[in-house]
Amino acid sequence: MATPWENDRGDRGKPCYIDPMVTKALKNILDRIGTWPENAQNEAAATLQVIEQEFLAPHIVTDEDRAALERSAEDVTQGRFATDEDVQRVFGRFRRA
């Protein structure tokens, strides 16, 4: 299955979003941006371009990343990971009331 950044042939490049993939919140703000002053619209466009570039740029896996992935795989193999109950307990401590 293609990701938003690939077409059905697996080509990377421009995102091939389809309408259902755009969240309601994003649609709402994009509709309102057209009513903003020109300088604010330009700032919004520049911000979105920066975010897009982060998704388009390849991620370089460092030796540190590889070591962390190996440790994580070893933890899973050894059964060293939080249970659902552990996760809920931790989230419960930090959730806002």
Protein backbone atom coordinates (compact mmCIF):
# COMPACT_ATOMS: atom_id res chain seq x y z
CA MET A 1 0.00 0.00 0.00
CA ALA A 2 1.35 3.41 -0.91
CA THR A 3 2.13 5.96 1.77
CA PRO A 4 1.12 9.61 1.35
CA TRP A 5 4.63 10.18 0.00
CA GLU A 6 4.49 7.39 -2.60
CA ASN A 7 2.19 6.68 -5.47
CA ASP A 8 0.92 3.19 -6.23
CA ARG A 9 4.14 2.43 -8.11
CA GLY A 10 6.21 3.32 -5.03
CA ASP A 11 7.60 6.51 -6.59
CA ARG A 12 8.59 9.06 -4.00
CA GLY A 13 8.11 12.73 -4.59
CA LYS A 14 5.08 14.92 -4.38
CA PRO A 15 2.57 13.59 -1.89
CA CYS A 16 -0.43 12.00 -3.51
CA TYR A 17 -3.07 12.85 -0.96
CA ILE A 18 -6.66 12.05 -1.61
CA ASP A 19 -9.53 13.93 0.02
CA PRO A 20 -10.30 11.40 2.80
CA MET A 21 -6.67 11.58 3.94
CA VAL A 22 -6.93 15.26 4.86
CA THR A 23 -8.11 15.70 8.41
CA LYS A 24 -11.10 17.87 9.19
CA ALA A 25 -8.94 20.14 11.35
CA LEU A 26 -6.49 20.67 8.49
CA LYS A 27 -9.29 21.39 6.01
CA ASN A 28 -10.79 23.93 8.40
CA ILE A 29 -7.56 25.84 8.94
CA LEU A 30 -6.67 25.76 5.23
CA ASP A 31 -10.05 27.24 4.41
CA ARG A 32 -9.50 30.04 6.93
CA ILE A 33 -5.95 30.82 5.79
CA GLY A 34 -7.42 32.36 2.64
CA THR A 35 -8.98 35.09 4.80
CA TRP A 36 -5.72 35.99 6.54
CA PRO A 37 -3.56 39.00 5.61
CA GLU A 38 -1.03 38.28 2.85
CA ASN A 39 2.00 38.32 5.18
CA ALA A 40 0.33 35.75 7.47
CA GLN A 41 -0.52 33.57 4.47
CA ASN A 42 3.10 33.73 3.33
CA GLU A 43 4.30 32.76 6.80
CA ALA A 44 1.88 29.82 6.91
CA ALA A 45 3.04 28.66 3.48
CA ALA A 46 6.69 28.90 4.50
CA THR A 47 6.02 26.91 7.69
CA LEU A 48 4.21 24.17 5.79
CA GLN A 49 7.05 24.01 3.25
CA VAL A 50 9.55 23.43 6.07
CA ILE A 51 7.39 20.61 7.45
CA GLU A 52 7.04 19.10 3.98
CA GLN A 53 10.81 19.16 3.45
CA GLU A 54 11.28 17.18 6.65
CA PHE A 55 9.07 14.44 5.20
CA LEU A 56 10.69 14.50 1.76
CA ALA A 57 14.29 14.46 2.94
CA PRO A 58 15.75 11.00 3.42
CA HIS A 59 16.54 10.09 6.99
CA ILE A 60 20.15 9.13 7.48
CA VAL A 61 20.47 6.32 9.99
CA THR A 62 23.48 6.92 12.20
CA ASP A 63 25.56 4.34 14.05
CA GLU A 64 23.83 5.56 17.23
CA ASP A 65 20.42 4.93 15.60
CA ARG A 66 21.50 1.43 14.56
CA ALA A 67 22.71 0.65 18.07
CA ALA A 68 19.41 1.86 19.55
CA LEU A 69 17.45 -0.28 17.09
CA GLU A 70 19.57 -3.31 17.96
CA ARG A 71 18.97 -2.72 21.69
CA SER A 72 15.26 -2.37 21.05
CA ALA A 73 15.14 -5.59 19.03
CA GLU A 74 17.02 -7.38 21.79
CA ASP A 75 14.58 -6.04 24.39
CA VAL A 76 11.66 -7.40 22.38
CA THR A 77 13.37 -10.75 21.92
CA GLN A 78 13.95 -10.96 25.67
CA GLY A 79 10.42 -9.83 26.50
CA ARG A 80 11.63 -6.59 28.07
CA PHE A 81 8.85 -4.18 27.21
CA ALA A 82 6.01 -2.49 29.01
CA THR A 83 2.67 -4.23 29.27
CA ASP A 84 -0.51 -2.39 28.34
CA GLU A 85 -1.19 -2.02 32.06
CA ASP A 86 2.25 -0.48 32.63
CA VAL A 87 1.66 2.05 29.87
CA GLN A 88 -1.81 2.96 31.17
CA ARG A 89 -0.41 3.43 34.69
CA VAL A 90 2.28 5.83 33.45
CA PHE A 91 -0.12 7.76 31.23
CA GLY A 92 -2.55 7.94 34.13
CA ARG A 93 0.01 9.81 36.18
CA PHE A 94 0.51 12.50 33.58
CA ARG A 95 -2.96 12.94 32.10
CA ARG A 96 -4.75 16.15 32.79
CA ALA A 97 -7.97 15.83 34.72
